[in-house]
Amino acid sequence: MLERVWLVLDAFRPSGGPLRLVDVAERCHLPKSTALRLLTDLGELGVVVRKENRYYLGRRLFELGSIVPLERDLRHAALPFMHDLYEATGATTHLAVRDGLDVVYVEKIQRHDSPSLPSAVGGRLPLTCTGVGKALLAHAEAELLEEVLRRPLRRLTPHSIVDAARLKDEIRRIRTAGLAYEREEAQLGNACIAAPIFRGDAVVAALSISAPAARFHPARLAAAVKTAALGVSRHCSSPI
């Protein structure tokens, strides 16, 4: 039962709704009667809301998500540095953590008229197609890279890295430079630069800025990104 409940909730990615009953049933591969029963039960708990025969994730999930300790503490530590980085560069700024073989975006700062990006707070993308993902992968345990390389590498654009040897070379460069670059690998026309965030010796998150590829000048941005990530790392590692 718990697995089915999670399937229903996960069906609302990436927008949170609205979804029709048939949409939920198809995404979860469940009979409509089962999907309806689960949605009704979740609605009674306030986890799902129904409006005009469309379903949305409910506010109670937002309340719970906002108090997840790791992400809450990371956001608190990172936000001042993210705002400084955004003001200094004018570029969309991201904070992300790893979940399995994906990155999950925890925070994002952007102009209201910024170009649309595939990143969204609470959304996820493959580790290997994003700057934050590659920064996390390069500084994680060796076993994680081995697991990634055992699987087919996912492709989001024609520029996504899908060759294992090329990815290994990229990871070595990231470890040496302390910075990860992504050029049109998650979305055509966009590029980013990222740096890892540490708590002690363990990588816990990554910080990045994204800009249109035509106006992407990493030599001008690298120091700012690295300095911001270092500031967050120091804050995260400070004794309470």
Protein backbone atom coordinates (compact mmCIF):
# COMPACT_ATOMS: atom_id res chain seq x y z
CA MET A 1 0.00 0.00 0.00
CA LEU A 2 2.76 2.46 0.89
CA GLU A 3 4.44 1.79 -2.44
CA ARG A 4 1.23 2.59 -4.29
CA VAL A 5 0.71 5.77 -2.29
CA TRP A 6 4.20 6.91 -3.23
CA LEU A 7 3.56 6.07 -6.89
CA VAL A 8 0.51 8.33 -6.83
CA LEU A 9 2.39 11.21 -5.21
CA ASP A 10 5.36 10.79 -7.52
CA ALA A 11 3.02 10.98 -10.53
CA PHE A 12 2.64 14.70 -9.85
CA ARG A 13 6.21 15.44 -10.92
CA PRO A 14 7.35 17.90 -12.10
CA SER A 15 4.53 20.46 -11.81
CA GLY A 16 2.47 19.31 -8.81
CA GLY A 17 -0.67 19.26 -10.94
CA PRO A 18 -3.25 19.61 -12.26
CA LEU A 19 -3.78 15.97 -13.21
CA ARG A 20 -6.92 14.12 -14.21
CA LEU A 21 -7.77 10.78 -12.63
CA VAL A 22 -6.89 9.05 -15.89
CA ASP A 23 -3.49 10.78 -15.92
CA VAL A 24 -2.66 9.48 -12.44
CA ALA A 25 -3.85 5.98 -13.27
CA GLU A 26 -1.80 5.84 -16.48
CA ARG A 27 1.35 7.22 -14.89
CA CYS A 28 1.12 4.75 -12.01
CA HIS A 29 -0.06 1.80 -14.14
CA LEU A 30 -2.99 1.35 -11.77
CA PRO A 31 -6.68 0.68 -12.40
CA LYS A 32 -8.72 3.88 -12.28
CA SER A 33 -10.71 2.55 -9.32
CA THR A 34 -7.49 2.00 -7.32
CA ALA A 35 -6.11 5.41 -8.26
CA LEU A 36 -9.40 7.05 -7.27
CA ARG A 37 -9.43 5.32 -3.89
CA LEU A 38 -5.85 6.38 -3.16
CA LEU A 39 -6.47 9.97 -4.28
CA THR A 40 -9.59 10.11 -2.12
CA ASP A 41 -7.70 8.87 0.94
CA LEU A 42 -4.86 11.32 0.30
CA GLY A 43 -7.41 14.09 -0.14
CA GLU A 44 -8.89 13.40 3.28
CA LEU A 45 -5.40 13.86 4.74
CA GLY A 46 -4.84 17.13 2.88
CA VAL A 47 -1.95 15.68 0.92
CA VAL A 48 -3.84 15.94 -2.37
CA VAL A 49 -6.43 18.56 -3.29
CA ARG A 50 -9.22 18.15 -5.84
CA LYS A 51 -10.54 21.14 -7.77
CA GLU A 52 -13.00 20.82 -10.66
CA ASN A 53 -12.10 17.18 -11.36
CA ARG A 54 -8.38 17.95 -11.37
CA TYR A 55 -5.92 16.91 -8.68
CA TYR A 56 -3.05 18.90 -7.17
CA LEU A 57 -0.49 18.22 -4.47
CA GLY A 58 -1.70 19.67 -1.18
CA ARG A 59 -0.20 22.24 1.15
CA ARG A 60 0.61 19.66 3.82
CA LEU A 61 3.33 18.23 1.59
CA PHE A 62 4.84 21.70 1.21
CA GLU A 63 4.81 22.14 4.98
CA LEU A 64 6.60 18.84 5.53
CA GLY A 65 9.07 19.40 2.69
CA SER A 66 10.04 22.78 4.11
CA ILE A 67 11.29 21.22 7.33
CA VAL A 68 13.42 18.38 5.93
CA PRO A 69 16.54 19.02 8.07
CA LEU A 70 19.34 18.58 5.52
CA GLU A 71 17.76 20.70 2.79
CA ARG A 72 16.47 23.29 5.29
CA ASP A 73 19.88 23.75 6.89
CA LEU A 74 21.63 23.83 3.52
CA ARG A 75 19.28 26.50 2.22
CA HIS A 76 19.77 28.57 5.35
CA ALA A 77 23.55 28.37 4.96
CA ALA A 78 23.59 28.90 1.20
CA LEU A 79 21.02 31.63 0.57
CA PRO A 80 23.19 34.63 1.57
CA PHE A 81 26.01 33.40 -0.67
CA MET A 82 23.57 32.63 -3.48
CA HIS A 83 22.14 36.15 -3.35
CA ASP A 84 25.65 37.63 -3.42
CA LEU A 85 26.55 35.41 -6.37
CA TYR A 86 23.38 36.35 -8.21
CA GLU A 87 23.97 40.07 -7.63
CA ALA A 88 27.59 39.78 -8.79
CA THR A 89 26.87 37.81 -11.97
CA GLY A 90 23.21 38.38 -12.85
CA ALA A 91 23.04 34.69 -13.71
CA THR A 92 20.49 32.13 -12.50
CA THR A 93 21.87 30.54 -9.34
CA HIS A 94 21.14 26.97 -8.19
CA LEU A 95 21.64 24.87 -5.07
CA ALA A 96 21.29 21.11 -5.53
CA VAL A 97 21.83 17.84 -3.67
CA ARG A 98 22.26 14.27 -4.88
CA ASP A 99 19.52 11.66 -4.67
CA GLY A 100 20.60 8.36 -6.17
CA LEU A 101 21.85 9.02 -9.70
CA ASP A 102 20.02 12.36 -9.98
CA VAL A 103 20.39 15.86 -8.64
CA VAL A 104 17.45 17.46 -6.84
CA TYR A 105 17.25 21.24 -6.91
CA VAL A 106 16.80 22.72 -3.43
CA GLU A 107 16.88 26.45 -4.26
CA LYS A 108 16.98 28.68 -7.33
CA ILE A 109 17.38 32.44 -7.76
CA GLN A 110 16.60 34.02 -11.11
CA ARG A 111 15.23 37.11 -12.77
CA HIS A 112 11.51 37.09 -13.51
CA ASP A 113 12.29 37.35 -17.23
CA SER A 114 15.07 34.73 -17.26
CA PRO A 115 14.95 32.09 -20.00
CA SER A 116 13.16 28.89 -19.07
CA LEU A 117 15.48 26.19 -17.72
CA PRO A 118 14.88 22.48 -17.07
CA SER A 119 15.83 22.98 -13.42
CA ALA A 120 13.04 23.58 -10.91
CA VAL A 121 13.00 23.57 -7.12
CA GLY A 122 12.06 20.04 -6.13
CA GLY A 123 12.81 18.80 -9.64
CA ARG A 124 15.50 16.36 -10.64
CA LEU A 125 17.90 15.82 -13.54
CA PRO A 126 20.61 13.22 -14.25
CA LEU A 127 23.93 13.72 -12.47
CA THR A 128 25.87 13.43 -15.71
CA CYS A 129 23.94 16.10 -17.63
CA THR A 130 24.29 18.99 -15.15
CA GLY A 131 27.11 21.07 -13.73
CA VAL A 132 25.93 20.52 -10.15
CA GLY A 133 25.58 16.80 -10.83
CA LYS A 134 29.08 16.45 -12.21
CA ALA A 135 30.50 18.46 -9.30
CA LEU A 136 28.77 16.10 -6.86
CA LEU A 137 29.82 13.01 -8.79
CA ALA A 138 33.47 14.08 -8.98
CA HIS A 139 33.78 14.42 -5.20
CA ALA A 140 31.61 11.50 -4.09
CA GLU A 141 32.80 8.01 -3.22
CA ALA A 142 34.48 6.09 -6.05
CA GLU A 143 31.70 3.49 -5.88
CA LEU A 144 29.16 6.05 -7.11
CA LEU A 145 31.13 6.78 -10.28
CA GLU A 146 31.53 3.05 -10.87
CA GLU A 147 27.77 2.60 -10.55
CA VAL A 148 27.10 5.45 -12.98
CA LEU A 149 29.54 4.02 -15.52
CA ARG A 150 27.95 0.57 -15.34
CA ARG A 151 24.67 1.99 -16.63
CA PRO A 152 23.81 3.57 -19.97
CA LEU A 153 24.47 7.29 -19.63
CA ARG A 154 21.32 9.35 -20.13
CA ARG A 155 21.04 11.83 -22.96
CA LEU A 156 18.99 15.04 -22.68
CA THR A 157 20.48 16.84 -25.69
CA PRO A 158 22.92 15.95 -28.50
CA HIS A 159 25.66 17.43 -26.29
CA SER A 160 25.03 15.19 -23.27
CA ILE A 161 28.01 12.98 -22.42
CA VAL A 162 27.10 9.36 -23.12
CA ASP A 163 30.59 7.93 -23.56
CA ALA A 164 32.03 6.42 -20.36
CA ALA A 165 35.67 7.22 -21.21
CA ARG A 166 34.82 10.84 -21.92
CA LEU A 167 32.91 11.12 -18.63
CA LYS A 168 35.87 9.69 -16.68
CA ASP A 169 38.16 12.29 -18.27
CA GLU A 170 35.68 15.02 -17.38
CA ILE A 171 35.51 13.86 -13.77
CA ARG A 172 39.31 13.91 -13.49
CA ARG A 173 39.38 17.51 -14.75
CA ILE A 174 36.69 18.53 -12.25
CA ARG A 175 38.60 16.99 -9.35
CA THR A 176 41.72 18.92 -10.36
CA ALA A 177 40.04 22.26 -11.00
CA GLY A 178 37.40 22.11 -8.28
CA LEU A 179 34.85 23.31 -10.86
CA ALA A 180 32.43 21.54 -13.19
CA TYR A 181 31.19 22.86 -16.51
CA GLU A 182 28.09 21.97 -18.49
CA ARG A 183 27.64 23.25 -22.03
CA GLU A 184 24.22 22.59 -23.56
CA GLU A 185 24.12 19.10 -22.02
CA ALA A 186 20.83 19.59 -20.16
CA GLN A 187 19.24 22.16 -22.47
CA LEU A 188 20.27 23.56 -25.81
CA GLY A 189 21.43 27.16 -25.64
CA ASN A 190 22.35 27.07 -21.97
CA ALA A 191 25.61 26.54 -20.08
CA CYS A 192 26.62 26.51 -16.43
CA ILE A 193 29.53 26.34 -14.02
CA ALA A 194 29.33 24.59 -10.65
CA ALA A 195 31.36 23.97 -7.51
CA PRO A 196 30.92 21.42 -4.71
CA ILE A 197 29.87 22.21 -1.15
CA PHE A 198 31.42 20.18 1.67
CA ARG A 199 30.59 19.45 5.26
CA GLY A 200 33.94 18.38 6.63
CA ASP A 201 35.37 15.99 4.05
CA ALA A 202 32.01 14.90 2.63
CA VAL A 203 30.39 16.56 -0.37
CA VAL A 204 26.79 17.45 0.52
CA ALA A 205 25.63 19.78 -2.25
CA ALA A 206 26.70 21.86 -5.21
CA LEU A 207 26.22 25.47 -6.24
CA SER A 208 25.99 26.68 -9.85
CA ILE A 209 25.19 29.60 -12.09
CA SER A 210 23.59 29.22 -15.50
CA ALA A 211 23.62 31.58 -18.48
CA PRO A 212 22.89 31.49 -22.21
CA ALA A 213 25.72 29.64 -23.93
CA ALA A 214 26.37 32.57 -26.28
CA ARG A 215 27.09 34.83 -23.29
CA PHE A 216 28.83 32.26 -21.11
CA HIS A 217 32.30 33.41 -20.07
CA PRO A 218 33.62 30.89 -17.52
CA ALA A 219 36.91 32.74 -16.98
CA ARG A 220 34.93 35.65 -15.56
CA LEU A 221 32.62 33.50 -13.45
CA ALA A 222 34.81 30.71 -12.06
CA ALA A 223 36.28 32.61 -9.12
CA ALA A 224 32.88 33.90 -7.99
CA VAL A 225 31.30 30.44 -8.05
CA LYS A 226 34.23 28.83 -6.25
CA THR A 227 34.30 31.55 -3.59
CA ALA A 228 30.56 31.24 -2.94
CA ALA A 229 30.73 27.45 -2.62
CA LEU A 230 33.70 27.74 -0.27
CA GLY A 231 31.75 30.19 1.88
CA VAL A 232 28.82 27.80 2.16
CA SER A 233 31.19 24.93 2.97
CA ARG A 234 32.77 26.88 5.79
CA HIS A 235 29.37 27.78 7.17
CA CYS A 236 28.18 24.16 6.98
CA SER A 237 31.34 22.90 8.70
CA SER A 238 31.33 25.45 11.52
CA PRO A 239 30.58 24.07 14.99
CA ILE A 240 27.06 24.84 16.18
